[in-house]
Structures are given as C-alpha cells and as structure tokens.
PDB file of N, CA and C in Angstrom:
ATOM      1  N   MET A   1     198.208  20.628  96.684  1.00  0.00           N
ATOM      2  CA  MET A   1     197.108  21.486  96.284  1.00  0.00           C
ATOM      3  C   MET A   1     195.929  20.653  95.795  1.00  0.00           C
ATOM      4  N   LEU A   2     196.222  19.717  94.905  1.00  0.00           N
ATOM      5  CA  LEU A   2     195.143  18.883  94.361  1.00  0.00           C
ATOM      6  C   LEU A   2     194.557  17.984  95.459  1.00  0.00           C
ATOM      7  N   ARG A   3     195.407  17.557  96.400  1.00  0.00           N
ATOM      8  CA  ARG A   3     194.934  16.731  97.494  1.00  0.00           C
ATOM      9  C   ARG A   3     193.952  17.521  98.365  1.00  0.00           C
ATOM     10  N   ASN A   4     194.256  18.798  98.624  1.00  0.00           N
ATOM     11  CA  ASN A   4     193.364  19.632  99.437  1.00  0.00           C
ATOM     12  C   ASN A   4     192.019  19.839  98.746  1.00  0.00           C
ATOM     13  N   ILE A   5     192.051  20.015  97.444  1.00  0.00           N
ATOM     14  CA  ILE A   5     190.807  20.183  96.690  1.00  0.00           C
ATOM     15  C   ILE A   5     189.982  18.896  96.747  1.00  0.00           C
ATOM     16  N   ALA A   6     190.643  17.757  96.593  1.00  0.00           N
ATOM     17  CA  ALA A   6     189.932  16.476  96.641  1.00  0.00           C
ATOM     18  C   ALA A   6     189.311  16.258  98.021  1.00  0.00           C
ATOM     19  N   ILE A   7     190.044  16.597  99.075  1.00  0.00           N
ATOM     20  CA  ILE A   7     189.508  16.450 100.429  1.00  0.00           C
ATOM     21  C   ILE A   7     188.315  17.373 100.629  1.00  0.00           C
ATOM     22  N   ALA A   8     188.416  18.603 100.140  1.00  0.00           N
ATOM     23  CA  ALA A   8     187.301  19.546 100.277  1.00  0.00           C
ATOM     24  C   ALA A   8     186.067  19.055  99.531  1.00  0.00           C
ATOM     25  N   VAL A   9     186.250  18.516  98.344  1.00  0.00           N
ATOM     26  CA  VAL A   9     185.111  17.996  97.576  1.00  0.00           C
ATOM     27  C   VAL A   9     184.484  16.803  98.288  1.00  0.00           C
ATOM     28  N   LEU A  10     185.318  15.913  98.822  1.00  0.00           N
ATOM     29  CA  LEU A  10     184.781  14.759  99.540  1.00  0.00           C
ATOM     30  C   LEU A  10     184.025  15.180 100.797  1.00  0.00           C
ATOM     31  N   LEU A  11     184.580  16.102 101.555  1.00  0.00           N
ATOM     32  CA  LEU A  11     183.895  16.566 102.760  1.00  0.00           C
ATOM     33  C   LEU A  11     182.586  17.281 102.429  1.00  0.00           C
ATOM     34  N   ALA A  12     182.592  18.095 101.372  1.00  0.00           N
ATOM     35  CA  ALA A  12     181.360  18.778 100.972  1.00  0.00           C
ATOM     36  C   ALA A  12     180.311  17.773 100.510  1.00  0.00           C
ATOM     37  N   SER A  13     180.731  16.765  99.756  1.00  0.00           N
ATOM     38  CA  SER A  13     179.776  15.740  99.309  1.00  0.00           C
ATOM     39  C   SER A  13     179.220  14.950 100.487  1.00  0.00           C
ATOM     40  N   LEU A  14     180.078  14.607 101.447  1.00  0.00           N
ATOM     41  CA  LEU A  14     179.616  13.888 102.629  1.00  0.00           C
ATOM     42  C   LEU A  14     178.646  14.737 103.444  1.00  0.00           C
ATOM     43  N   PHE A  15     178.964  16.021 103.601  1.00  0.00           N
ATOM     44  CA  PHE A  15     178.073  16.918 104.327  1.00  0.00           C
ATOM     45  C   PHE A  15     176.715  17.034 103.641  1.00  0.00           C
ATOM     46  N   ILE A  16     176.730  17.208 102.330  1.00  0.00           N
ATOM     47  CA  ILE A  16     175.471  17.344 101.588  1.00  0.00           C
ATOM     48  C   ILE A  16     174.670  16.040 101.645  1.00  0.00           C
ATOM     49  N   LEU A  17     175.367  14.911 101.564  1.00  0.00           N
ATOM     50  CA  LEU A  17     174.677  13.622 101.649  1.00  0.00           C
ATOM     51  C   LEU A  17     174.020  13.441 103.016  1.00  0.00           C
ATOM     52  N   CYS A  18     174.727  13.831 104.085  1.00  0.00           N
ATOM     53  CA  CYS A  18     174.147  13.719 105.425  1.00  0.00           C
ATOM     54  C   CYS A  18     172.954  14.652 105.590  1.00  0.00           C
ATOM     55  N   VAL A  19     173.099  15.873 105.129  1.00  0.00           N
ATOM     56  CA  VAL A  19     171.981  16.814 105.233  1.00  0.00           C
ATOM     57  C   VAL A  19     170.805  16.328 104.408  1.00  0.00           C
ATOM     58  N   ASP A  20     171.087  15.751 103.246  1.00  0.00           N
ATOM     59  CA  ASP A  20     170.010  15.231 102.398  1.00  0.00           C
ATOM     60  C   ASP A  20     169.290  14.076 103.077  1.00  0.00           C
ATOM     61  N   GLN A  21     170.021  13.162 103.682  1.00  0.00           N
ATOM     62  CA  GLN A  21     169.397  12.014 104.340  1.00  0.00           C
ATOM     63  C   GLN A  21     168.582  12.439 105.558  1.00  0.00           C
ATOM     64  N   LEU A  22     169.052  13.489 106.246  1.00  0.00           N
ATOM     65  CA  LEU A  22     168.323  13.950 107.420  1.00  0.00           C
ATOM     66  C   LEU A  22     167.074  14.750 107.048  1.00  0.00           C
ATOM     67  N   SER A  23     167.147  15.470 105.955  1.00  0.00           N
ATOM     68  CA  SER A  23     166.035  16.366 105.607  1.00  0.00           C
ATOM     69  C   SER A  23     165.158  15.845 104.478  1.00  0.00           C
ATOM     70  N   LEU A  24     165.434  14.657 103.974  1.00  0.00           N
ATOM     71  CA  LEU A  24     164.621  14.121 102.876  1.00  0.00           C
ATOM     72  C   LEU A  24     163.144  13.978 103.257  1.00  0.00           C
ATOM     73  N   PRO A  25     162.807  13.506 104.446  1.00  0.00           N
ATOM     74  CA  PRO A  25     161.370  13.453 104.808  1.00  0.00           C
ATOM     75  C   PRO A  25     160.727  14.833 104.918  1.00  0.00           C
ATOM     76  N   TRP A  26     161.516  15.851 105.245  1.00  0.00           N
ATOM     77  CA  TRP A  26     160.952  17.198 105.355  1.00  0.00           C
ATOM     78  C   TRP A  26     160.600  17.765 103.990  1.00  0.00           C
ATOM     79  N   TRP A  27     161.491  17.580 103.033  1.00  0.00           N
ATOM     80  CA  TRP A  27     161.278  18.165 101.707  1.00  0.00           C
ATOM     81  C   TRP A  27     160.285  17.371 100.883  1.00  0.00           C
ATOM     82  N   ASP A  28     160.246  16.059 101.087  1.00  0.00           N
ATOM     83  CA  ASP A  28     159.380  15.163 100.334  1.00  0.00           C
ATOM     84  C   ASP A  28     159.600  15.347  98.826  1.00  0.00           C
ATOM     85  N   MET A  29     160.871  15.359  98.436  1.00  0.00           N
ATOM     86  CA  MET A  29     161.221  15.557  97.030  1.00  0.00           C
ATOM     87  C   MET A  29     161.543  14.202  96.413  1.00  0.00           C
ATOM     88  N   GLN A  30     160.883  13.901  95.310  1.00  0.00           N
ATOM     89  CA  GLN A  30     161.116  12.648  94.608  1.00  0.00           C
ATOM     90  C   GLN A  30     161.275  12.959  93.127  1.00  0.00           C
ATOM     91  N   ILE A  31     162.266  12.340  92.511  1.00  0.00           N
ATOM     92  CA  ILE A  31     162.501  12.542  91.078  1.00  0.00           C
ATOM     93  C   ILE A  31     162.236  11.221  90.371  1.00  0.00           C
ATOM     94  N   TYR A  32     161.372  11.299  89.380  1.00  0.00           N
ATOM     95  CA  TYR A  32     161.048  10.131  88.576  1.00  0.00           C
ATOM     96  C   TYR A  32     161.765  10.237  87.238  1.00  0.00           C
ATOM     97  N   PHE A  33     162.290   9.100  86.798  1.00  0.00           N
ATOM     98  CA  PHE A  33     162.945   9.028  85.500  1.00  0.00           C
ATOM     99  C   PHE A  33     162.360   7.838  84.749  1.00  0.00           C
ATOM    100  N   ASP A  34     161.563   8.129  83.750  1.00  0.00           N
ATOM    101  CA  ASP A  34     160.918   7.089  82.938  1.00  0.00           C
ATOM    102  C   ASP A  34     160.085   6.145  83.815  1.00  0.00           C
ATOM    103  N   ASP A  35     159.186   6.720  84.605  1.00  0.00           N
ATOM    104  CA  ASP A  35     158.273   6.005  85.496  1.00  0.00           C
ATOM    105  C   ASP A  35     158.985   5.202  86.584  1.00  0.00           C
ATOM    106  N   ASP A  36     160.248   5.464  86.829  1.00  0.00           N
ATOM    107  CA  ASP A  36     160.984   4.809  87.914  1.00  0.00           C
ATOM    108  C   ASP A  36     161.399   5.877  88.917  1.00  0.00           C
ATOM    109  N   LEU A  37     161.186   5.568  90.181  1.00  0.00           N
ATOM    110  CA  LEU A  37     161.573   6.485  91.245  1.00  0.00           C
ATOM    111  C   LEU A  37     163.077   6.364  91.471  1.00  0.00           C
ATOM    112  N   LEU A  38     163.766   7.506  91.397  1.00  0.00           N
ATOM    113  CA  LEU A  38     165.205   7.490  91.639  1.00  0.00           C
ATOM    114  C   LEU A  38     165.487   7.345  93.126  1.00  0.00           C
ATOM    115  N   SER A  39     166.609   6.737  93.419  1.00  0.00           N
ATOM    116  CA  SER A  39     167.004   6.570  94.818  1.00  0.00           C
ATOM    117  C   SER A  39     167.392   7.923  95.405  1.00  0.00           C
ATOM    118  N   PRO A  40     167.447   8.030  96.723  1.00  0.00           N
ATOM    119  CA  PRO A  40     167.834   9.315  97.331  1.00  0.00           C
ATOM    120  C   PRO A  40     169.218   9.788  96.905  1.00  0.00           C
ATOM    121  N   VAL A  41     170.150   8.858  96.711  1.00  0.00           N
ATOM    122  CA  VAL A  41     171.497   9.258  96.275  1.00  0.00           C
ATOM    123  C   VAL A  41     171.454   9.807  94.852  1.00  0.00           C
ATOM    124  N   ALA A  42     170.698   9.163  93.980  1.00  0.00           N
ATOM    125  CA  ALA A  42     170.578   9.659  92.617  1.00  0.00           C
ATOM    126  C   ALA A  42     169.874  11.013  92.594  1.00  0.00           C
ATOM    127  N   THR A  43     168.875  11.175  93.459  1.00  0.00           N
ATOM    128  CA  THR A  43     168.192  12.465  93.571  1.00  0.00           C
ATOM    129  C   THR A  43     169.166  13.541  94.026  1.00  0.00           C
ATOM    130  N   LEU A  44     170.004  13.194  95.000  1.00  0.00           N
ATOM    131  CA  LEU A  44     171.011  14.134  95.479  1.00  0.00           C
ATOM    132  C   LEU A  44     171.984  14.500  94.368  1.00  0.00           C
ATOM    133  N   LEU A  45     172.410  13.509  93.596  1.00  0.00           N
ATOM    134  CA  LEU A  45     173.339  13.788  92.496  1.00  0.00           C
ATOM    135  C   LEU A  45     172.714  14.713  91.456  1.00  0.00           C
ATOM    136  N   VAL A  46     171.425  14.511  91.162  1.00  0.00           N
ATOM    137  CA  VAL A  46     170.743  15.385  90.210  1.00  0.00           C
ATOM    138  C   VAL A  46     170.667  16.810  90.749  1.00  0.00           C
ATOM    139  N   VAL A  47     170.313  16.944  92.038  1.00  0.00           N
ATOM    140  CA  VAL A  47     170.228  18.280  92.644  1.00  0.00           C
ATOM    141  C   VAL A  47     171.600  18.948  92.668  1.00  0.00           C
ATOM    142  N   MET A  48     172.649  18.173  92.984  1.00  0.00           N
ATOM    143  CA  MET A  48     174.007  18.730  92.991  1.00  0.00           C
ATOM    144  C   MET A  48     174.442  19.158  91.593  1.00  0.00           C
ATOM    145  N   ALA A  49     174.094  18.382  90.574  1.00  0.00           N
ATOM    146  CA  ALA A  49     174.462  18.737  89.201  1.00  0.00           C
ATOM    147  C   ALA A  49     173.757  20.020  88.760  1.00  0.00           C
ATOM    148  N   VAL A  50     172.478  20.142  89.097  1.00  0.00           N
ATOM    149  CA  VAL A  50     171.743  21.365  88.753  1.00  0.00           C
ATOM    150  C   VAL A  50     172.328  22.561  89.496  1.00  0.00           C
ATOM    151  N   GLY A  51     172.658  22.377  90.780  1.00  0.00           N
ATOM    152  CA  GLY A  51     173.283  23.460  91.552  1.00  0.00           C
ATOM    153  C   GLY A  51     174.629  23.857  90.990  1.00  0.00           C
ATOM    154  N   ALA A  52     175.455  22.880  90.604  1.00  0.00           N
ATOM    155  CA  ALA A  52     176.759  23.181  90.012  1.00  0.00           C
ATOM    156  C   ALA A  52     176.600  23.927  88.694  1.00  0.00           C
ATOM    157  N   PHE A  53     175.590  23.554  87.917  1.00  0.00           N
ATOM    158  CA  PHE A  53     175.332  24.255  86.651  1.00  0.00           C
ATOM    159  C   PHE A  53     175.006  25.729  86.911  1.00  0.00           C
ATOM    160  N   PHE A  54     174.132  25.983  87.887  1.00  0.00           N
ATOM    161  CA  PHE A  54     173.771  27.371  88.177  1.00  0.00           C
ATOM    162  C   PHE A  54     174.933  28.156  88.776  1.00  0.00           C
ATOM    163  N   VAL A  55     175.773  27.504  89.565  1.00  0.00           N
ATOM    164  CA  VAL A  55     176.966  28.177  90.090  1.00  0.00           C
ATOM    165  C   VAL A  55     177.914  28.539  88.951  1.00  0.00           C
ATOM    166  N   ALA A  56     178.100  27.633  87.997  1.00  0.00           N
ATOM    167  CA  ALA A  56     178.970  27.909  86.855  1.00  0.00           C
ATOM    168  C   ALA A  56     178.429  29.078  86.024  1.00  0.00           C
ATOM    169  N   ILE A  57     177.130  29.108  85.811  1.00  0.00           N
ATOM    170  CA  ILE A  57     176.521  30.220  85.086  1.00  0.00           C
ATOM    171  C   ILE A  57     176.736  31.528  85.848  1.00  0.00           C
ATOM    172  N   GLY A  58     176.571  31.497  87.164  1.00  0.00           N
ATOM    173  CA  GLY A  58     176.785  32.693  87.983  1.00  0.00           C
ATOM    174  C   GLY A  58     178.220  33.188  87.911  1.00  0.00           C
ATOM    175  N   VAL A  59     179.173  32.269  87.943  1.00  0.00           N
ATOM    176  CA  VAL A  59     180.583  32.663  87.843  1.00  0.00           C
ATOM    177  C   VAL A  59     180.861  33.284  86.481  1.00  0.00           C
ATOM    178  N   LEU A  60     180.332  32.695  85.424  1.00  0.00           N
ATOM    179  CA  LEU A  60     180.542  33.255  84.086  1.00  0.00           C
ATOM    180  C   LEU A  60     179.951  34.655  83.964  1.00  0.00           C
ATOM    181  N   VAL A  61     178.768  34.846  84.507  1.00  0.00           N
ATOM    182  CA  VAL A  61     178.142  36.170  84.445  1.00  0.00           C
ATOM    183  C   VAL A  61     178.949  37.177  85.254  1.00  0.00           C
ATOM    184  N   ALA A  62     179.390  36.782  86.444  1.00  0.00           N
ATOM    185  CA  ALA A  62     180.166  37.700  87.289  1.00  0.00           C
ATOM    186  C   ALA A  62     181.488  38.068  86.630  1.00  0.00           C
ATOM    187  N   LEU A  63     182.168  37.093  86.045  1.00  0.00           N
ATOM    188  CA  LEU A  63     183.443  37.385  85.390  1.00  0.00           C
ATOM    189  C   LEU A  63     183.251  38.241  84.148  1.00  0.00           C
ATOM    190  N   SER A  64     182.194  38.002  83.401  1.00  0.00           N
ATOM    191  CA  SER A  64     181.978  38.805  82.202  1.00  0.00           C
ATOM    192  C   SER A  64     181.623  40.237  82.582  1.00  0.00           C
ATOM    193  N   LEU A  65     180.824  40.417  83.641  1.00  0.00           N
ATOM    194  CA  LEU A  65     180.499  41.777  84.076  1.00  0.00           C
ATOM    195  C   LEU A  65     181.736  42.495  84.598  1.00  0.00           C
ATOM    196  N   ALA A  66     182.581  41.794  85.352  1.00  0.00           N
ATOM    197  CA  ALA A  66     183.800  42.407  85.872  1.00  0.00           C
ATOM    198  C   ALA A  66     184.735  42.791  84.735  1.00  0.00           C
ATOM    199  N   SER A  67     184.855  41.939  83.729  1.00  0.00           N
ATOM    200  CA  SER A  67     185.736  42.269  82.614  1.00  0.00           C
ATOM    201  C   SER A  67     185.188  43.436  81.794  1.00  0.00           C
ATOM    202  N   ILE A  68     183.881  43.532  81.678  1.00  0.00           N
ATOM    203  CA  ILE A  68     183.298  44.674  80.968  1.00  0.00           C
ATOM    204  C   ILE A  68     183.574  45.966  81.717  1.00  0.00           C
ATOM    205  N   VAL A  69     183.428  45.937  83.046  1.00  0.00           N
ATOM    206  CA  VAL A  69     183.689  47.141  83.846  1.00  0.00           C
ATOM    207  C   VAL A  69     185.153  47.547  83.732  1.00  0.00           C
ATOM    208  N   LEU A  70     186.070  46.571  83.823  1.00  0.00           N
ATOM    209  CA  LEU A  70     187.494  46.888  83.704  1.00  0.00           C
ATOM    210  C   LEU A  70     187.836  47.433  82.320  1.00  0.00           C
ATOM    211  N   MET A  71     187.233  46.873  81.270  1.00  0.00           N
ATOM    212  CA  MET A  71     187.506  47.351  79.925  1.00  0.00           C
ATOM    213  C   MET A  71     186.995  48.782  79.749  1.00  0.00           C
ATOM    214  N   VAL A  72     185.821  49.080  80.276  1.00  0.00           N
ATOM    215  CA  VAL A  72     185.274  50.442  80.172  1.00  0.00           C
ATOM    216  C   VAL A  72     186.160  51.424  80.927  1.00  0.00           C
ATOM    217  N   LEU A  73     186.619  51.033  82.124  1.00  0.00           N
ATOM    218  CA  LEU A  73     187.507  51.921  82.884  1.00  0.00           C
ATOM    219  C   LEU A  73     188.819  52.172  82.144  1.00  0.00           C
ATOM    220  N   ALA A  74     189.375  51.132  81.526  1.00  0.00           N
ATOM    221  CA  ALA A  74     190.616  51.298  80.760  1.00  0.00           C
ATOM    222  C   ALA A  74     190.390  52.219  79.556  1.00  0.00           C
ATOM    223  N   LEU A  75     189.268  52.072  78.880  1.00  0.00           N
ATOM    224  CA  LEU A  75     188.973  52.926  77.733  1.00  0.00           C
ATOM    225  C   LEU A  75     188.760  54.382  78.152  1.00  0.00           C
ATOM    226  N   VAL A  76     188.088  54.597  79.272  1.00  0.00           N
ATOM    227  CA  VAL A  76     187.886  55.969  79.768  1.00  0.00           C
ATOM    228  C   VAL A  76     189.222  56.586  80.144  1.00  0.00           C
ATOM    229  N   PHE A  77     190.076  55.822  80.831  1.00  0.00           N
ATOM    230  CA  PHE A  77     191.401  56.337  81.184  1.00  0.00           C
ATOM    231  C   PHE A  77     192.212  56.677  79.937  1.00  0.00           C
ATOM    232  N   GLY A  78     192.184  55.803  78.940  1.00  0.00           N
ATOM    233  CA  GLY A  78     192.910  56.072  77.692  1.00  0.00           C
ATOM    234  C   GLY A  78     192.367  57.293  76.966  1.00  0.00           C
ATOM    235  N   ALA A  79     191.053  57.450  76.957  1.00  0.00           N
ATOM    236  CA  ALA A  79     190.453  58.610  76.299  1.00  0.00           C
ATOM    237  C   ALA A  79     190.837  59.903  77.013  1.00  0.00           C
ATOM    238  N   LEU A  80     190.808  59.887  78.354  1.00  0.00           N
ATOM    239  CA  LEU A  80     191.215  61.084  79.101  1.00  0.00           C
ATOM    240  C   LEU A  80     192.700  61.384  78.907  1.00  0.00           C
ATOM    241  N   LEU A  81     193.530  60.358  78.846  1.00  0.00           N
ATOM    242  CA  LEU A  81     194.953  60.550  78.604  1.00  0.00           C
ATOM    243  C   LEU A  81     195.192  61.165  77.225  1.00  0.00           C
ATOM    244  N   MET A  82     194.539  60.642  76.217  1.00  0.00           N
ATOM    245  CA  MET A  82     194.719  61.180  74.860  1.00  0.00           C
ATOM    246  C   MET A  82     194.165  62.604  74.748  1.00  0.00           C
ATOM    247  N   ALA A  83     193.050  62.868  75.417  1.00  0.00           N
ATOM    248  CA  ALA A  83     192.488  64.222  75.395  1.00  0.00           C
ATOM    249  C   ALA A  83     193.428  65.193  76.106  1.00  0.00           C
ATOM    250  N   GLY A  84     194.028  64.757  77.215  1.00  0.00           N
ATOM    251  CA  GLY A  84     194.971  65.608  77.934  1.00  0.00           C
ATOM    252  C   GLY A  84     196.209  65.895  77.110  1.00  0.00           C
ATOM    253  N   ILE A  85     196.743  64.882  76.454  1.00  0.00           N
ATOM    254  CA  ILE A  85     197.910  65.105  75.592  1.00  0.00           C
ATOM    255  C   ILE A  85     197.530  65.986  74.415  1.00  0.00           C
ATOM    256  N   GLY A  86     196.345  65.770  73.855  1.00  0.00           N
ATOM    257  CA  GLY A  86     195.906  66.594  72.723  1.00  0.00           C
ATOM    258  C   GLY A  86     195.687  68.047  73.106  1.00  0.00           C
ATOM    259  N   ALA A  87     195.257  68.294  74.328  1.00  0.00           N
ATOM    260  CA  ALA A  87     194.981  69.669  74.747  1.00  0.00           C
ATOM    261  C   ALA A  87     196.242  70.385  75.214  1.00  0.00           C
ATOM    262  N   PHE A  88     197.165  69.664  75.817  1.00  0.00           N
ATOM    263  CA  PHE A  88     198.316  70.310  76.433  1.00  0.00           C
ATOM    264  C   PHE A  88     199.636  70.009  75.724  1.00  0.00           C
ATOM    265  N   TRP A  89     199.600  69.544  74.463  1.00  0.00           N
ATOM    266  CA  TRP A  89     200.845  69.201  73.808  1.00  0.00           C
ATOM    267  C   TRP A  89     201.768  70.401  73.601  1.00  0.00           C
ATOM    268  N   PRO A  90     201.268  71.624  73.365  1.00  0.00           N
ATOM    269  CA  PRO A  90     202.230  72.727  73.240  1.00  0.00           C
ATOM    270  C   PRO A  90     202.987  72.989  74.551  1.00  0.00           C
ATOM    271  N   TRP A  91     202.308  72.884  75.678  1.00  0.00           N
ATOM    272  CA  TRP A  91     202.966  73.099  76.971  1.00  0.00           C
ATOM    273  C   TRP A  91     203.972  71.981  77.239  1.00  0.00           C
ATOM    274  N   LEU A  92     203.610  70.760  76.896  1.00  0.00           N
ATOM    275  CA  LEU A  92     204.536  69.649  77.073  1.00  0.00           C
ATOM    276  C   LEU A  92     205.759  69.803  76.187  1.00  0.00           C
ATOM    277  N   LEU A  93     205.548  70.265  74.966  1.00  0.00           N
ATOM    278  CA  LEU A  93     206.675  70.475  74.052  1.00  0.00           C
ATOM    279  C   LEU A  93     207.599  71.569  74.574  1.00  0.00           C
ATOM    280  N   MET A  94     207.026  72.686  75.069  1.00  0.00           N
ATOM    281  CA  MET A  94     207.846  73.762  75.619  1.00  0.00           C
ATOM    282  C   MET A  94     208.608  73.274  76.853  1.00  0.00           C
ATOM    283  N   ALA A  95     207.983  72.490  77.702  1.00  0.00           N
ATOM    284  CA  ALA A  95     208.670  71.976  78.887  1.00  0.00           C
ATOM    285  C   ALA A  95     209.830  71.073  78.485  1.00  0.00           C
ATOM    286  N   LEU A  96     209.644  70.239  77.480  1.00  0.00           N
ATOM    287  CA  LEU A  96     210.731  69.375  77.017  1.00  0.00           C
ATOM    288  C   LEU A  96     211.881  70.182  76.422  1.00  0.00           C
ATOM    289  N   VAL A  97     211.572  71.244  75.674  1.00  0.00           N
ATOM    290  CA  VAL A  97     212.621  72.090  75.099  1.00  0.00           C
ATOM    291  C   VAL A  97     213.387  72.793  76.216  1.00  0.00           C
ATOM    292  N   VAL A  98     212.686  73.321  77.216  1.00  0.00           N
ATOM    293  CA  VAL A  98     213.355  74.005  78.326  1.00  0.00           C
ATOM    294  C   VAL A  98     214.244  73.029  79.082  1.00  0.00           C
ATOM    295  N   ILE A  99     213.742  71.833  79.340  1.00  0.00           N
ATOM    296  CA  ILE A  99     214.556  70.830  80.027  1.00  0.00           C
ATOM    297  C   ILE A  99     215.775  70.476  79.191  1.00  0.00           C
ATOM    298  N   TRP A 100     215.617  70.369  77.902  1.00  0.00           N
ATOM    299  CA  TRP A 100     216.732  70.023  77.017  1.00  0.00           C
ATOM    300  C   TRP A 100     217.778  71.132  77.005  1.00  0.00           C
ATOM    301  N   LEU A 101     217.322  72.405  77.021  1.00  0.00           N
ATOM    302  CA  LEU A 101     218.262  73.531  77.004  1.00  0.00           C
ATOM    303  C   LEU A 101     218.957  73.723  78.348  1.00  0.00           C
ATOM    304  N   VAL A 102     218.287  73.446  79.424  1.00  0.00           N
ATOM    305  CA  VAL A 102     218.828  73.744  80.748  1.00  0.00           C
ATOM    306  C   VAL A 102     219.673  72.606  81.310  1.00  0.00           C
ATOM    307  N   LYS A 103     219.473  71.407  80.834  1.00  0.00           N
ATOM    308  CA  LYS A 103     220.151  70.275  81.457  1.00  0.00           C
ATOM    309  C   LYS A 103     221.666  70.417  81.324  1.00  0.00           C
ATOM    310  N   ASP A 104     222.357  69.877  82.301  1.00  0.00           N
ATOM    311  CA  ASP A 104     223.807  69.975  82.392  1.00  0.00           C
ATOM    312  C   ASP A 104     224.438  69.092  81.326  1.00  0.00           C
ATOM    313  N   LYS A 105     225.229  69.716  80.456  1.00  0.00           N
ATOM    314  CA  LYS A 105     225.893  68.971  79.390  1.00  0.00           C
ATOM    315  C   LYS A 105     227.289  68.597  79.886  1.00  0.00           C
ATOM    316  N   ARG A 106     227.621  67.377  79.796  1.00  0.00           N
ATOM    317  CA  ARG A 106     228.934  66.910  80.244  1.00  0.00           C
ATOM    318  C   ARG A 106     229.864  66.913  79.051  1.00  0.00           C
ATOM    319  N   HIS A 107     231.028  67.455  79.273  1.00  0.00           N
ATOM    320  CA  HIS A 107     232.045  67.472  78.219  1.00  0.00           C
ATOM    321  C   HIS A 107     233.070  66.397  78.540  1.00  0.00           C
ATOM    322  N   THR A 108     233.470  65.700  77.524  1.00  0.00           N
ATOM    323  CA  THR A 108     234.496  64.669  77.730  1.00  0.00           C
ATOM    324  C   THR A 108     235.867  65.309  77.699  1.00  0.00           C
ATOM    325  N   ALA A 109     236.757  64.843  78.544  1.00  0.00           N
ATOM    326  CA  ALA A 109     238.127  65.383  78.606  1.00  0.00           C
ATOM    327  C   ALA A 109     238.918  64.886  77.418  1.00  0.00           C
ATOM    328  N   GLN A 110     239.663  65.817  76.806  1.00  0.00           N
ATOM    329  CA  GLN A 110     240.433  65.411  75.616  1.00  0.00           C
ATOM    330  C   GLN A 110     241.907  65.487  75.877  1.00  0.00           C
TER     331      GLN A 110
END
C-alpha cells in the first residue's frame, strides 16, 4: 500500500515537473526570494506547496460540511423518533400489553 502511494507521488511529481519545464516559457512565472531569482525547480516546489495547502484546506472544509450535515440529519431523526414515541406511547403500551396477554405461555412438565 505504501509502495503504491510512493509510486503515485513520484509519478505525479515527474509529470508536474515535465509540464512545468514545457510550459515555463508560456507562463513566464518567476519567483524572487530576497532579490534572488529562484530556479525553475524551486519555483515548482513553491507552487506545489501552495497547491497542496489549498487542497488540504478544501478537504477540511468538505469534511466539516459533511459532518455538519450528518449531525443535523441524526438530530432531526432523533427528534422525530422522540416526538413519535411521545405522541403514540399509549398505543405502544396497549400493544405491548396485548402481546403480553396473548403470547403462548409454555408450561414446564412436572
């Protein structure tokens, strides 16, 4: 499993590096750090780090929204269940008494 992840990361990095080298003249993107021009590989690493940061933020937002939706659905279901039991408890009690009275009682042989 870990080997497959490592291979996928290496292939993705190689693909991004190739695309970056091919399209660098088109984008004309240069990053300066303290009056020094960063190399294309360092520029790529900075862009990849910023992209990974935004992907992580997106995943956190998506997971938090999904958990909020699931929690609200669970609370609504619980509220409807409690309201149903609160409204129909006399009928449920009568049904349980009838079932208790009608059920077949087994007698042990003596």
